[in-house]
Amino acid sequence: MQIRRVLPQILLTAGFLFAAEKQRVLKPGWNLFKPADDVKMGHEYARELERQVHVVSDPTLMRT
């Protein structure tokens, strides 16, 4: 009778461990842009943002 309680728990635990192991395998996603393009766009967006929004450049507010 005790085996009927323990066996489902063991199988469920084994299933969770197997699923968790599969999730650890990470592969890079598909990227439309090259890294250099990402950097270029980032700089362009930063310049545009600085034109549109007042950016505070007080050194006492900056984290070091």
C-alpha atoms as a PDB file:
ATOM      1  CA  MET A   1       0.000   0.000   0.000  1.00  0.00           C
ATOM      2  CA  GLN A   2       2.860   2.382   0.743  1.00  0.00           C
ATOM      3  CA  ILE A   3       4.349   1.786  -2.717  1.00  0.00           C
ATOM      4  CA  ARG A   4       1.183   3.276  -4.237  1.00  0.00           C
ATOM      5  CA  ARG A   5       1.890   6.545  -2.417  1.00  0.00           C
ATOM      6  CA  VAL A   6       5.624   6.654  -2.979  1.00  0.00           C
ATOM      7  CA  LEU A   7       5.837   5.618  -6.648  1.00  0.00           C
ATOM      8  CA  PRO A   8       3.830   8.576  -8.057  1.00  0.00           C
ATOM      9  CA  GLN A   9       5.929  10.987  -6.005  1.00  0.00           C
ATOM     10  CA  ILE A  10       9.145   9.439  -7.304  1.00  0.00           C
ATOM     11  CA  LEU A  11       7.924   9.567 -10.909  1.00  0.00           C
ATOM     12  CA  LEU A  12       6.732  13.150 -10.552  1.00  0.00           C
ATOM     13  CA  THR A  13      10.036  14.237  -9.008  1.00  0.00           C
ATOM     14  CA  ALA A  14      11.980  12.480 -11.769  1.00  0.00           C
ATOM     15  CA  GLY A  15       9.836  14.232 -14.377  1.00  0.00           C
ATOM     16  CA  PHE A  16      10.460  17.639 -12.819  1.00  0.00           C
ATOM     17  CA  LEU A  17      14.203  17.005 -12.648  1.00  0.00           C
ATOM     18  CA  PHE A  18      14.277  15.909 -16.281  1.00  0.00           C
ATOM     19  CA  ALA A  19      12.316  18.997 -17.363  1.00  0.00           C
ATOM     20  CA  ALA A  20      14.546  21.295 -15.300  1.00  0.00           C
ATOM     21  CA  GLU A  21      17.651  19.801 -16.896  1.00  0.00           C
ATOM     22  CA  LYS A  22      16.251  20.429 -20.374  1.00  0.00           C
ATOM     23  CA  GLN A  23      15.602  24.090 -19.532  1.00  0.00           C
ATOM     24  CA  ARG A  24      19.216  24.691 -18.521  1.00  0.00           C
ATOM     25  CA  VAL A  25      20.430  24.144 -22.074  1.00  0.00           C
ATOM     26  CA  LEU A  26      20.400  27.631 -23.566  1.00  0.00           C
ATOM     27  CA  LYS A  27      21.087  28.433 -27.165  1.00  0.00           C
ATOM     28  CA  PRO A  28      21.395  31.875 -28.681  1.00  0.00           C
ATOM     29  CA  GLY A  29      18.292  33.329 -30.197  1.00  0.00           C
ATOM     30  CA  TRP A  30      17.910  34.552 -33.739  1.00  0.00           C
ATOM     31  CA  ASN A  31      18.963  38.174 -34.120  1.00  0.00           C
ATOM     32  CA  LEU A  32      18.015  40.344 -37.060  1.00  0.00           C
ATOM     33  CA  PHE A  33      20.844  42.823 -36.449  1.00  0.00           C
ATOM     34  CA  LYS A  34      24.600  42.430 -36.233  1.00  0.00           C
ATOM     35  CA  PRO A  35      26.253  43.537 -32.958  1.00  0.00           C
ATOM     36  CA  ALA A  36      27.793  46.538 -34.734  1.00  0.00           C
ATOM     37  CA  ASP A  37      24.331  47.558 -35.961  1.00  0.00           C
ATOM     38  CA  ASP A  38      22.986  47.294 -32.401  1.00  0.00           C
ATOM     39  CA  VAL A  39      25.733  49.605 -31.131  1.00  0.00           C
ATOM     40  CA  LYS A  40      25.152  52.084 -33.949  1.00  0.00           C
ATOM     41  CA  MET A  41      21.401  52.183 -33.289  1.00  0.00           C
ATOM     42  CA  GLY A  42      22.038  52.582 -29.560  1.00  0.00           C
ATOM     43  CA  HIS A  43      24.230  55.623 -30.170  1.00  0.00           C
ATOM     44  CA  GLU A  44      21.664  57.114 -32.546  1.00  0.00           C
ATOM     45  CA  TYR A  45      18.831  56.621 -30.058  1.00  0.00           C
ATOM     46  CA  ALA A  46      20.954  58.110 -27.266  1.00  0.00           C
ATOM     47  CA  ARG A  47      21.619  61.243 -29.344  1.00  0.00           C
ATOM     48  CA  GLU A  48      17.927  61.538 -30.201  1.00  0.00           C
ATOM     49  CA  LEU A  49      16.958  61.141 -26.563  1.00  0.00           C
ATOM     50  CA  GLU A  50      19.436  63.819 -25.472  1.00  0.00           C
ATOM     51  CA  ARG A  51      17.856  66.220 -27.999  1.00  0.00           C
ATOM     52  CA  GLN A  52      14.312  65.529 -26.796  1.00  0.00           C
ATOM     53  CA  VAL A  53      14.838  65.211 -23.032  1.00  0.00           C
ATOM     54  CA  HIS A  54      16.883  67.272 -20.612  1.00  0.00           C
ATOM     55  CA  VAL A  55      19.546  64.879 -19.331  1.00  0.00           C
ATOM     56  CA  VAL A  56      20.948  65.742 -15.911  1.00  0.00           C
ATOM     57  CA  SER A  57      24.731  65.510 -15.773  1.00  0.00           C
ATOM     58  CA  ASP A  58      25.297  66.424 -12.121  1.00  0.00           C
ATOM     59  CA  PRO A  59      28.298  64.411 -10.830  1.00  0.00           C
ATOM     60  CA  THR A  60      26.790  64.182  -7.340  1.00  0.00           C
ATOM     61  CA  LEU A  61      23.844  62.269  -8.784  1.00  0.00           C
ATOM     62  CA  MET A  62      25.999  59.826 -10.720  1.00  0.00           C
ATOM     63  CA  ARG A  63      26.923  56.464  -9.212  1.00  0.00           C
ATOM     64  CA  THR A  64      30.593  55.566  -9.225  1.00  0.00           C
END
